[in-house]
Amino acid sequence: MTHATAFAPGSIGNVGPGFDVLGLAVDGIGDRVTVELTRDASSRVADITGRDAELVPRDAQRNCAVIAAEAYLRPFGYRAVVTIEKGLALAGGMGGSAASSVAGAYAAGLALGQAPNVRDVLAAALEGEAAVAGRHLDNIAPSVVGGLALVRSVEPIDVVRLNVAADWWIALVTPRVRIQTKEARALLPDACDRVTWIQQMANTTALAHAFATGDGELLRRALDDRYAEPRRAPLIPRFAEAKRAALDAGAFGGSISGSGPTLFAITADERIARACADAMRQAFGGNADVHVGAVAKEGVRRA
């Protein structure tokens, strides 16, 4: 086989308090990448379609999917001709660059006739993500392994898929605002006070346990971000109103998805998730995109 296509799901980076540590894959939305092997001197982008396609770089050296595919193929002497079908918005806070990077790396492995190794896909995708959004794995990890993922370390790469006991659903609402990941990260301090640090660790640990045991009431208490949310919320007009609307509609809790501007709310079932999505959209004056989906049980796969 000289070409293959892969689909990688979108994701919620941080999942509230788990900054750069937790990520959650979301069902029903993601990016699709086709990689064709070539012996040409350089890789290239063949076509880009779908959401925000006109904003995605055509320059192979600036395109995260191409960079990730090249990273995977480097030991084998191939270059890549890459076609991208975007399901995720650019700078939307749902892991768009991560999903493209993961799908590019995985498709490259499939094109070689391999069953791609998780560690190799993570490493190659990280090269793509680092080129456009910074060197972090909180979106890449769930996009690769599915479900709730823990990034224990980036150097060396150490990712663990955590247990998800309940069939919870997620409402995602994206207002018409663009927030670049690198700019949103620049707002955050390199250190925080001890009281905040202790509470953030407690909330992150409790959040992981809530998913593992299906404890919605613990999730409600744990979905409390003291580090990134207070500093990034001002970038999102009507953030407080939208978050309150989700809670009033029955969500366990919610926060900013990754760097934003997407907000997420975690709920007990699909009915509540749709009610929360509608309430958040109305809080944004109706000028927002909505996606409702379950936690994705599966990560990147052949498409």
C-alpha atoms as a PDB file:
ATOM      1  CA  MET A   1       0.000   0.000   0.000  1.00  0.00           C
ATOM      2  CA  THR A   2       1.329   3.432  -0.902  1.00  0.00           C
ATOM      3  CA  HIS A   3      -1.462   5.546   0.576  1.00  0.00           C
ATOM      4  CA  ALA A   4      -3.861   5.412   3.521  1.00  0.00           C
ATOM      5  CA  THR A   5      -6.413   7.551   5.351  1.00  0.00           C
ATOM      6  CA  ALA A   6      -6.838   8.014   9.101  1.00  0.00           C
ATOM      7  CA  PHE A   7      -9.419   9.755  11.295  1.00  0.00           C
ATOM      8  CA  ALA A   8      -8.477  11.333  14.644  1.00  0.00           C
ATOM      9  CA  PRO A   9     -11.145  12.640  17.055  1.00  0.00           C
ATOM     10  CA  GLY A  10     -11.277  16.115  18.507  1.00  0.00           C
ATOM     11  CA  SER A  11     -10.529  16.590  22.171  1.00  0.00           C
ATOM     12  CA  ILE A  12     -10.823  18.780  25.247  1.00  0.00           C
ATOM     13  CA  GLY A  13      -7.425  19.832  26.536  1.00  0.00           C
ATOM     14  CA  ASN A  14      -6.920  20.258  30.299  1.00  0.00           C
ATOM     15  CA  VAL A  15     -10.500  19.125  31.144  1.00  0.00           C
ATOM     16  CA  GLY A  16     -10.712  21.989  33.616  1.00  0.00           C
ATOM     17  CA  PRO A  17      -8.011  21.769  36.292  1.00  0.00           C
ATOM     18  CA  GLY A  18      -5.694  19.280  34.544  1.00  0.00           C
ATOM     19  CA  PHE A  19      -3.578  21.848  32.695  1.00  0.00           C
ATOM     20  CA  ASP A  20      -1.333  20.092  30.128  1.00  0.00           C
ATOM     21  CA  VAL A  21      -1.983  16.842  32.028  1.00  0.00           C
ATOM     22  CA  LEU A  22      -5.511  15.648  31.120  1.00  0.00           C
ATOM     23  CA  GLY A  23      -7.283  15.397  27.784  1.00  0.00           C
ATOM     24  CA  LEU A  24     -10.675  13.975  26.804  1.00  0.00           C
ATOM     25  CA  ALA A  25     -11.581  12.640  23.342  1.00  0.00           C
ATOM     26  CA  VAL A  26     -14.997  13.609  21.971  1.00  0.00           C
ATOM     27  CA  ASP A  27     -17.053  11.390  19.665  1.00  0.00           C
ATOM     28  CA  GLY A  28     -18.439  12.473  16.319  1.00  0.00           C
ATOM     29  CA  ILE A  29     -16.017  15.215  15.342  1.00  0.00           C
ATOM     30  CA  GLY A  30     -12.408  15.210  14.133  1.00  0.00           C
ATOM     31  CA  ASP A  31      -9.993  15.480  11.220  1.00  0.00           C
ATOM     32  CA  ARG A  32      -9.325  13.042   8.374  1.00  0.00           C
ATOM     33  CA  VAL A  33      -5.914  12.886   6.696  1.00  0.00           C
ATOM     34  CA  THR A  34      -4.721  10.885   3.692  1.00  0.00           C
ATOM     35  CA  VAL A  35      -1.010  10.259   3.223  1.00  0.00           C
ATOM     36  CA  GLU A  36       0.498   9.056  -0.047  1.00  0.00           C
ATOM     37  CA  LEU A  37       4.111   7.925   0.022  1.00  0.00           C
ATOM     38  CA  THR A  38       6.541   9.526  -2.386  1.00  0.00           C
ATOM     39  CA  ARG A  39      10.278   9.493  -3.099  1.00  0.00           C
ATOM     40  CA  ASP A  40      10.179  13.136  -4.176  1.00  0.00           C
ATOM     41  CA  ALA A  41      12.651  15.565  -2.659  1.00  0.00           C
ATOM     42  CA  SER A  42      10.013  17.196  -0.477  1.00  0.00           C
ATOM     43  CA  SER A  43       6.537  16.645   0.907  1.00  0.00           C
ATOM     44  CA  ARG A  44       3.550  18.663  -0.216  1.00  0.00           C
ATOM     45  CA  VAL A  45      -0.108  19.376   0.485  1.00  0.00           C
ATOM     46  CA  ALA A  46      -2.390  18.003  -2.233  1.00  0.00           C
ATOM     47  CA  ASP A  47      -5.688  19.452  -0.978  1.00  0.00           C
ATOM     48  CA  ILE A  48      -7.443  20.795   2.109  1.00  0.00           C
ATOM     49  CA  THR A  49     -11.223  20.746   2.479  1.00  0.00           C
ATOM     50  CA  GLY A  50     -13.760  21.187   5.263  1.00  0.00           C
ATOM     51  CA  ARG A  51     -14.032  23.598   8.160  1.00  0.00           C
ATOM     52  CA  ASP A  52     -11.698  26.618   7.986  1.00  0.00           C
ATOM     53  CA  ALA A  53      -9.874  24.940   5.091  1.00  0.00           C
ATOM     54  CA  GLU A  54      -8.935  28.303   3.635  1.00  0.00           C
ATOM     55  CA  LEU A  55      -7.048  29.178   6.843  1.00  0.00           C
ATOM     56  CA  VAL A  56      -4.885  26.035   7.020  1.00  0.00           C
ATOM     57  CA  PRO A  57      -1.344  26.551   5.693  1.00  0.00           C
ATOM     58  CA  ARG A  58      -0.659  25.040   2.259  1.00  0.00           C
ATOM     59  CA  ASP A  59       3.063  25.414   2.880  1.00  0.00           C
ATOM     60  CA  ALA A  60       4.256  21.910   3.819  1.00  0.00           C
ATOM     61  CA  GLN A  61       6.813  23.309   6.267  1.00  0.00           C
ATOM     62  CA  ARG A  62       4.048  25.060   8.226  1.00  0.00           C
ATOM     63  CA  ASN A  63       1.351  22.381   7.998  1.00  0.00           C
ATOM     64  CA  CYS A  64       1.173  20.246  11.146  1.00  0.00           C
ATOM     65  CA  ALA A  65      -0.242  17.155   9.402  1.00  0.00           C
ATOM     66  CA  VAL A  66       2.612  17.166   6.890  1.00  0.00           C
ATOM     67  CA  ILE A  67       5.214  17.748   9.605  1.00  0.00           C
ATOM     68  CA  ALA A  68       3.828  14.828  11.634  1.00  0.00           C
ATOM     69  CA  ALA A  69       3.680  12.515   8.598  1.00  0.00           C
ATOM     70  CA  GLU A  70       7.257  13.420   7.673  1.00  0.00           C
ATOM     71  CA  ALA A  71       8.400  12.758  11.228  1.00  0.00           C
ATOM     72  CA  TYR A  72       6.891   9.267  11.118  1.00  0.00           C
ATOM     73  CA  LEU A  73       8.314   8.529   7.666  1.00  0.00           C
ATOM     74  CA  ARG A  74      11.810   9.928   8.300  1.00  0.00           C
ATOM     75  CA  PRO A  75      13.462   6.596   9.226  1.00  0.00           C
ATOM     76  CA  PHE A  76      12.040   4.966   6.076  1.00  0.00           C
ATOM     77  CA  GLY A  77      13.235   7.519   3.519  1.00  0.00           C
ATOM     78  CA  TYR A  78       9.803   8.535   2.238  1.00  0.00           C
ATOM     79  CA  ARG A  79       8.133  11.906   1.866  1.00  0.00           C
ATOM     80  CA  ALA A  80       4.380  12.525   2.020  1.00  0.00           C
ATOM     81  CA  VAL A  81       1.683  13.902  -0.236  1.00  0.00           C
ATOM     82  CA  VAL A  82      -1.037  14.921   2.203  1.00  0.00           C
ATOM     83  CA  THR A  83      -4.768  15.542   1.792  1.00  0.00           C
ATOM     84  CA  ILE A  84      -6.679  16.972   4.762  1.00  0.00           C
ATOM     85  CA  GLU A  85     -10.404  17.014   5.487  1.00  0.00           C
ATOM     86  CA  LYS A  86     -11.005  19.346   8.438  1.00  0.00           C
ATOM     87  CA  GLY A  87     -13.869  18.694  10.800  1.00  0.00           C
ATOM     88  CA  LEU A  88     -12.414  20.883  13.526  1.00  0.00           C
ATOM     89  CA  ALA A  89     -12.112  24.655  13.536  1.00  0.00           C
ATOM     90  CA  LEU A  90      -8.740  26.337  13.389  1.00  0.00           C
ATOM     91  CA  ALA A  91      -7.902  27.941  16.752  1.00  0.00           C
ATOM     92  CA  GLY A  92     -11.193  26.649  18.147  1.00  0.00           C
ATOM     93  CA  GLY A  93      -9.956  24.952  21.309  1.00  0.00           C
ATOM     94  CA  MET A  94     -10.986  21.426  20.299  1.00  0.00           C
ATOM     95  CA  GLY A  95      -7.584  20.021  19.391  1.00  0.00           C
ATOM     96  CA  GLY A  96      -7.683  20.757  15.663  1.00  0.00           C
ATOM     97  CA  SER A  97      -3.922  20.897  15.144  1.00  0.00           C
ATOM     98  CA  ALA A  98      -3.471  17.842  17.369  1.00  0.00           C
ATOM     99  CA  ALA A  99      -6.066  15.799  15.456  1.00  0.00           C
ATOM    100  CA  SER A 100      -4.497  16.702  12.101  1.00  0.00           C
ATOM    101  CA  SER A 101      -1.045  15.822  13.447  1.00  0.00           C
ATOM    102  CA  VAL A 102      -2.221  12.517  14.900  1.00  0.00           C
ATOM    103  CA  ALA A 103      -4.121  11.536  11.751  1.00  0.00           C
ATOM    104  CA  GLY A 104      -1.129  12.509   9.589  1.00  0.00           C
ATOM    105  CA  ALA A 105       1.274  10.396  11.622  1.00  0.00           C
ATOM    106  CA  TYR A 106      -1.084   7.413  11.826  1.00  0.00           C
ATOM    107  CA  ALA A 107      -1.922   7.518   8.107  1.00  0.00           C
ATOM    108  CA  ALA A 108       1.810   7.558   7.323  1.00  0.00           C
ATOM    109  CA  GLY A 109       2.252   4.373   9.340  1.00  0.00           C
ATOM    110  CA  LEU A 110      -0.704   2.733   7.614  1.00  0.00           C
ATOM    111  CA  ALA A 111       0.678   3.729   4.211  1.00  0.00           C
ATOM    112  CA  LEU A 112       3.893   1.883   5.112  1.00  0.00           C
ATOM    113  CA  GLY A 113       1.799  -1.225   5.768  1.00  0.00           C
ATOM    114  CA  GLN A 114       2.289  -1.029   9.517  1.00  0.00           C
ATOM    115  CA  ALA A 115      -0.001  -1.265  12.513  1.00  0.00           C
ATOM    116  CA  PRO A 116       1.287   2.038  13.910  1.00  0.00           C
ATOM    117  CA  ASN A 117       2.794   1.930  17.387  1.00  0.00           C
ATOM    118  CA  VAL A 118       1.175   4.312  19.900  1.00  0.00           C
ATOM    119  CA  ARG A 119       4.531   5.654  21.090  1.00  0.00           C
ATOM    120  CA  ASP A 120       5.683   6.365  17.514  1.00  0.00           C
ATOM    121  CA  VAL A 121       2.421   8.135  16.643  1.00  0.00           C
ATOM    122  CA  LEU A 122       2.617  10.265  19.796  1.00  0.00           C
ATOM    123  CA  ALA A 123       6.213  11.278  19.043  1.00  0.00           C
ATOM    124  CA  ALA A 124       5.551  12.135  15.403  1.00  0.00           C
ATOM    125  CA  ALA A 125       2.326  14.003  16.178  1.00  0.00           C
ATOM    126  CA  LEU A 126       4.132  16.006  18.845  1.00  0.00           C
ATOM    127  CA  GLU A 127       6.479  17.368  16.160  1.00  0.00           C
ATOM    128  CA  GLY A 128       3.478  18.609  14.179  1.00  0.00           C
ATOM    129  CA  GLU A 129       1.748  20.103  17.215  1.00  0.00           C
ATOM    130  CA  ALA A 130       4.935  21.772  18.456  1.00  0.00           C
ATOM    131  CA  ALA A 131       5.330  23.610  15.159  1.00  0.00           C
ATOM    132  CA  VAL A 132       1.987  25.411  15.487  1.00  0.00           C
ATOM    133  CA  ALA A 133       0.751  25.271  19.080  1.00  0.00           C
ATOM    134  CA  GLY A 134       3.611  24.362  21.420  1.00  0.00           C
ATOM    135  CA  ARG A 135       5.153  21.201  22.775  1.00  0.00           C
ATOM    136  CA  HIS A 136       2.339  19.648  24.789  1.00  0.00           C
ATOM    137  CA  LEU A 137       0.384  16.387  24.600  1.00  0.00           C
ATOM    138  CA  ASP A 138      -2.924  17.077  26.343  1.00  0.00           C
ATOM    139  CA  ASN A 139      -4.841  17.093  23.027  1.00  0.00           C
ATOM    140  CA  ILE A 140      -2.625  14.617  21.184  1.00  0.00           C
ATOM    141  CA  ALA A 141      -2.883  11.912  23.863  1.00  0.00           C
ATOM    142  CA  PRO A 142      -6.698  11.490  23.876  1.00  0.00           C
ATOM    143  CA  SER A 143      -6.769  11.820  20.088  1.00  0.00           C
ATOM    144  CA  VAL A 144      -4.420   8.818  19.922  1.00  0.00           C
ATOM    145  CA  VAL A 145      -5.690   6.548  22.713  1.00  0.00           C
ATOM    146  CA  GLY A 146      -9.319   7.717  23.072  1.00  0.00           C
ATOM    147  CA  GLY A 147     -11.260   8.391  26.267  1.00  0.00           C
ATOM    148  CA  LEU A 148      -9.596  10.261  29.118  1.00  0.00           C
ATOM    149  CA  ALA A 149      -5.813  10.445  28.807  1.00  0.00           C
ATOM    150  CA  LEU A 150      -3.174  11.390  31.358  1.00  0.00           C
ATOM    151  CA  VAL A 151       0.095  12.936  30.224  1.00  0.00           C
ATOM    152  CA  ARG A 152       2.558  12.001  32.949  1.00  0.00           C
ATOM    153  CA  SER A 153       5.538  13.313  31.003  1.00  0.00           C
ATOM    154  CA  VAL A 154       6.414  14.889  27.658  1.00  0.00           C
ATOM    155  CA  GLU A 155      10.159  14.255  27.905  1.00  0.00           C
ATOM    156  CA  PRO A 156      10.211  11.277  27.777  1.00  0.00           C
ATOM    157  CA  ILE A 157       6.721  10.683  26.408  1.00  0.00           C
ATOM    158  CA  ASP A 158       4.598   8.876  28.985  1.00  0.00           C
ATOM    159  CA  VAL A 159       0.856   8.725  28.337  1.00  0.00           C
ATOM    160  CA  VAL A 160      -1.727   6.661  30.220  1.00  0.00           C
ATOM    161  CA  ARG A 161      -5.326   5.995  29.202  1.00  0.00           C
ATOM    162  CA  LEU A 162      -7.532   6.345  32.292  1.00  0.00           C
ATOM    163  CA  ASN A 163     -10.702   4.420  32.986  1.00  0.00           C
ATOM    164  CA  VAL A 164     -14.046   6.049  32.145  1.00  0.00           C
ATOM    165  CA  ALA A 165     -16.828   4.240  33.978  1.00  0.00           C
ATOM    166  CA  ALA A 166     -19.914   6.283  33.047  1.00  0.00           C
ATOM    167  CA  ASP A 167     -21.536   6.995  29.670  1.00  0.00           C
ATOM    168  CA  TRP A 168     -21.289  10.746  30.115  1.00  0.00           C
ATOM    169  CA  TRP A 169     -21.966  13.181  27.293  1.00  0.00           C
ATOM    170  CA  ILE A 170     -20.339  16.463  26.394  1.00  0.00           C
ATOM    171  CA  ALA A 171     -21.750  19.728  25.071  1.00  0.00           C
ATOM    172  CA  LEU A 172     -19.292  21.905  23.148  1.00  0.00           C
ATOM    173  CA  VAL A 173     -20.168  25.446  22.138  1.00  0.00           C
ATOM    174  CA  THR A 174     -17.810  27.629  20.105  1.00  0.00           C
ATOM    175  CA  PRO A 175     -18.528  31.373  19.939  1.00  0.00           C
ATOM    176  CA  ARG A 176     -17.327  33.330  16.916  1.00  0.00           C
ATOM    177  CA  VAL A 177     -14.023  34.305  18.472  1.00  0.00           C
ATOM    178  CA  ARG A 178     -10.538  33.092  17.528  1.00  0.00           C
ATOM    179  CA  ILE A 179      -7.931  32.456  20.192  1.00  0.00           C
ATOM    180  CA  GLN A 180      -4.448  31.331  19.163  1.00  0.00           C
ATOM    181  CA  THR A 181      -3.010  28.682  21.509  1.00  0.00           C
ATOM    182  CA  LYS A 182       0.410  30.325  21.754  1.00  0.00           C
ATOM    183  CA  GLU A 183      -1.152  33.664  22.690  1.00  0.00           C
ATOM    184  CA  ALA A 184      -3.438  32.069  25.279  1.00  0.00           C
ATOM    185  CA  ARG A 185      -0.496  30.236  26.830  1.00  0.00           C
ATOM    186  CA  ALA A 186       1.459  33.493  27.061  1.00  0.00           C
ATOM    187  CA  LEU A 187      -1.178  34.812  29.486  1.00  0.00           C
ATOM    188  CA  LEU A 188      -0.366  32.149  32.059  1.00  0.00           C
ATOM    189  CA  PRO A 189       2.281  32.600  34.767  1.00  0.00           C
ATOM    190  CA  ASP A 190       5.173  30.179  35.121  1.00  0.00           C
ATOM    191  CA  ALA A 191       4.351  29.691  38.803  1.00  0.00           C
ATOM    192  CA  CYS A 192       1.402  30.101  41.147  1.00  0.00           C
ATOM    193  CA  ASP A 193       0.984  30.354  44.900  1.00  0.00           C
ATOM    194  CA  ARG A 194       1.049  27.241  47.057  1.00  0.00           C
ATOM    195  CA  VAL A 195      -2.625  27.366  48.058  1.00  0.00           C
ATOM    196  CA  THR A 196      -3.719  27.448  44.410  1.00  0.00           C
ATOM    197  CA  TRP A 197      -1.245  24.710  43.466  1.00  0.00           C
ATOM    198  CA  ILE A 198      -2.493  22.386  46.213  1.00  0.00           C
ATOM    199  CA  GLN A 199      -6.146  22.922  45.272  1.00  0.00           C
ATOM    200  CA  GLN A 200      -5.376  22.406  41.585  1.00  0.00           C
ATOM    201  CA  MET A 201      -3.672  19.077  42.318  1.00  0.00           C
ATOM    202  CA  ALA A 202      -6.599  17.997  44.487  1.00  0.00           C
ATOM    203  CA  ASN A 203      -9.137  18.933  41.812  1.00  0.00           C
ATOM    204  CA  THR A 204      -7.211  17.157  39.050  1.00  0.00           C
ATOM    205  CA  THR A 205      -6.861  13.958  41.073  1.00  0.00           C
ATOM    206  CA  ALA A 206     -10.530  14.075  42.078  1.00  0.00           C
ATOM    207  CA  LEU A 207     -11.551  14.625  38.456  1.00  0.00           C
ATOM    208  CA  ALA A 208      -9.694  11.499  37.319  1.00  0.00           C
ATOM    209  CA  HIS A 209     -11.275   9.488  40.141  1.00  0.00           C
ATOM    210  CA  ALA A 210     -14.733  10.808  39.252  1.00  0.00           C
ATOM    211  CA  PHE A 211     -14.338   9.517  35.692  1.00  0.00           C
ATOM    212  CA  ALA A 212     -12.979   6.183  36.933  1.00  0.00           C
ATOM    213  CA  THR A 213     -15.906   5.614  39.285  1.00  0.00           C
ATOM    214  CA  GLY A 214     -18.708   7.419  37.440  1.00  0.00           C
ATOM    215  CA  ASP A 215     -19.175   9.759  40.395  1.00  0.00           C
ATOM    216  CA  GLY A 216     -21.015  12.772  38.972  1.00  0.00           C
ATOM    217  CA  GLU A 217     -21.208  14.619  42.285  1.00  0.00           C
ATOM    218  CA  LEU A 218     -17.442  14.391  42.727  1.00  0.00           C
ATOM    219  CA  LEU A 219     -17.022  15.584  39.137  1.00  0.00           C
ATOM    220  CA  ARG A 220     -19.229  18.557  39.967  1.00  0.00           C
ATOM    221  CA  ARG A 221     -16.914  19.548  42.829  1.00  0.00           C
ATOM    222  CA  ALA A 222     -13.668  18.766  40.986  1.00  0.00           C
ATOM    223  CA  LEU A 223     -14.347  20.652  37.728  1.00  0.00           C
ATOM    224  CA  ASP A 224     -12.810  23.800  39.162  1.00  0.00           C
ATOM    225  CA  ASP A 225      -9.841  25.369  37.386  1.00  0.00           C
ATOM    226  CA  ARG A 226      -7.982  27.954  39.478  1.00  0.00           C
ATOM    227  CA  TYR A 227      -5.082  28.456  37.034  1.00  0.00           C
ATOM    228  CA  ALA A 228      -6.012  28.935  33.356  1.00  0.00           C
ATOM    229  CA  GLU A 229      -9.743  29.706  33.423  1.00  0.00           C
ATOM    230  CA  PRO A 230      -9.554  32.948  35.450  1.00  0.00           C
ATOM    231  CA  ARG A 231      -6.900  34.329  33.091  1.00  0.00           C
ATOM    232  CA  ARG A 232      -8.425  33.159  29.800  1.00  0.00           C
ATOM    233  CA  ALA A 233     -12.109  33.802  30.515  1.00  0.00           C
ATOM    234  CA  PRO A 234     -11.795  37.539  29.681  1.00  0.00           C
ATOM    235  CA  LEU A 235     -10.837  36.535  26.112  1.00  0.00           C
ATOM    236  CA  ILE A 236     -14.320  35.009  25.652  1.00  0.00           C
ATOM    237  CA  PRO A 237     -17.191  37.535  25.717  1.00  0.00           C
ATOM    238  CA  ARG A 238     -20.137  36.304  27.873  1.00  0.00           C
ATOM    239  CA  PHE A 239     -18.100  33.385  29.228  1.00  0.00           C
ATOM    240  CA  ALA A 240     -19.564  33.612  32.732  1.00  0.00           C
ATOM    241  CA  GLU A 241     -23.137  33.738  31.406  1.00  0.00           C
ATOM    242  CA  ALA A 242     -22.559  30.698  29.168  1.00  0.00           C
ATOM    243  CA  LYS A 243     -20.987  28.655  31.957  1.00  0.00           C
ATOM    244  CA  ARG A 244     -23.833  29.530  34.325  1.00  0.00           C
ATOM    245  CA  ALA A 245     -26.362  28.586  31.625  1.00  0.00           C
ATOM    246  CA  ALA A 246     -24.807  25.111  31.333  1.00  0.00           C
ATOM    247  CA  LEU A 247     -24.908  24.566  35.085  1.00  0.00           C
ATOM    248  CA  ASP A 248     -28.510  25.752  35.282  1.00  0.00           C
ATOM    249  CA  ALA A 249     -29.410  23.329  32.463  1.00  0.00           C
ATOM    250  CA  GLY A 250     -28.086  20.380  34.444  1.00  0.00           C
ATOM    251  CA  ALA A 251     -24.376  19.997  33.650  1.00  0.00           C
ATOM    252  CA  PHE A 252     -22.062  18.498  36.269  1.00  0.00           C
ATOM    253  CA  GLY A 253     -19.645  21.273  35.370  1.00  0.00           C
ATOM    254  CA  GLY A 254     -17.752  22.912  32.566  1.00  0.00           C
ATOM    255  CA  SER A 255     -14.875  25.146  31.612  1.00  0.00           C
ATOM    256  CA  ILE A 256     -12.798  26.349  28.651  1.00  0.00           C
ATOM    257  CA  SER A 257     -11.795  23.618  26.210  1.00  0.00           C
ATOM    258  CA  GLY A 258      -8.036  23.922  25.816  1.00  0.00           C
ATOM    259  CA  SER A 259      -7.118  27.518  25.030  1.00  0.00           C
ATOM    260  CA  GLY A 260     -10.688  28.347  23.965  1.00  0.00           C
ATOM    261  CA  PRO A 261     -12.885  29.875  22.790  1.00  0.00           C
ATOM    262  CA  THR A 262     -14.912  26.629  22.945  1.00  0.00           C
ATOM    263  CA  LEU A 263     -16.651  25.922  26.239  1.00  0.00           C
ATOM    264  CA  PHE A 264     -17.410  22.368  27.315  1.00  0.00           C
ATOM    265  CA  ALA A 265     -19.975  20.997  29.722  1.00  0.00           C
ATOM    266  CA  ILE A 266     -20.017  17.389  30.958  1.00  0.00           C
ATOM    267  CA  THR A 267     -23.439  15.860  31.549  1.00  0.00           C
ATOM    268  CA  ALA A 268     -25.076  12.614  32.623  1.00  0.00           C
ATOM    269  CA  ASP A 269     -26.715  11.853  29.267  1.00  0.00           C
ATOM    270  CA  GLU A 270     -27.457  13.066  25.742  1.00  0.00           C
ATOM    271  CA  ARG A 271     -30.696  14.831  26.650  1.00  0.00           C
ATOM    272  CA  ILE A 272     -29.034  17.031  29.249  1.00  0.00           C
ATOM    273  CA  ALA A 273     -26.055  17.636  26.949  1.00  0.00           C
ATOM    274  CA  ARG A 274     -28.361  18.979  24.225  1.00  0.00           C
ATOM    275  CA  ALA A 275     -30.172  21.180  26.719  1.00  0.00           C
ATOM    276  CA  CYS A 276     -26.841  22.560  27.958  1.00  0.00           C
ATOM    277  CA  ALA A 277     -25.605  23.160  24.406  1.00  0.00           C
ATOM    278  CA  ASP A 278     -28.737  25.109  23.564  1.00  0.00           C
ATOM    279  CA  ALA A 279     -28.539  27.133  26.782  1.00  0.00           C
ATOM    280  CA  MET A 280     -24.883  28.027  26.180  1.00  0.00           C
ATOM    281  CA  ARG A 281     -25.558  28.958  22.563  1.00  0.00           C
ATOM    282  CA  GLN A 282     -28.364  31.259  23.649  1.00  0.00           C
ATOM    283  CA  ALA A 283     -26.077  32.816  26.263  1.00  0.00           C
ATOM    284  CA  PHE A 284     -23.719  33.700  23.418  1.00  0.00           C
ATOM    285  CA  GLY A 285     -26.614  35.412  21.639  1.00  0.00           C
ATOM    286  CA  GLY A 286     -27.140  32.455  19.288  1.00  0.00           C
ATOM    287  CA  ASN A 287     -23.886  33.292  17.515  1.00  0.00           C
ATOM    288  CA  ALA A 288     -22.017  30.061  18.213  1.00  0.00           C
ATOM    289  CA  ASP A 289     -21.386  26.594  16.775  1.00  0.00           C
ATOM    290  CA  VAL A 290     -22.534  23.536  18.724  1.00  0.00           C
ATOM    291  CA  HIS A 291     -21.420  19.912  18.947  1.00  0.00           C
ATOM    292  CA  VAL A 292     -22.866  17.284  21.263  1.00  0.00           C
ATOM    293  CA  GLY A 293     -21.171  13.912  21.623  1.00  0.00           C
ATOM    294  CA  ALA A 294     -20.287  11.106  23.980  1.00  0.00           C
ATOM    295  CA  VAL A 295     -16.803  10.515  25.298  1.00  0.00           C
ATOM    296  CA  ALA A 296     -14.980   8.876  22.369  1.00  0.00           C
ATOM    297  CA  LYS A 297     -14.104   5.330  23.336  1.00  0.00           C
ATOM    298  CA  GLU A 298     -11.685   5.006  20.414  1.00  0.00           C
ATOM    299  CA  GLY A 299      -8.824   7.225  19.321  1.00  0.00           C
ATOM    300  CA  VAL A 300      -7.167   7.486  15.909  1.00  0.00           C
ATOM    301  CA  ARG A 301      -8.087   4.788  13.424  1.00  0.00           C
ATOM    302  CA  ARG A 302      -8.128   3.835   9.761  1.00  0.00           C
ATOM    303  CA  ALA A 303     -10.776   5.726   7.834  1.00  0.00           C
END
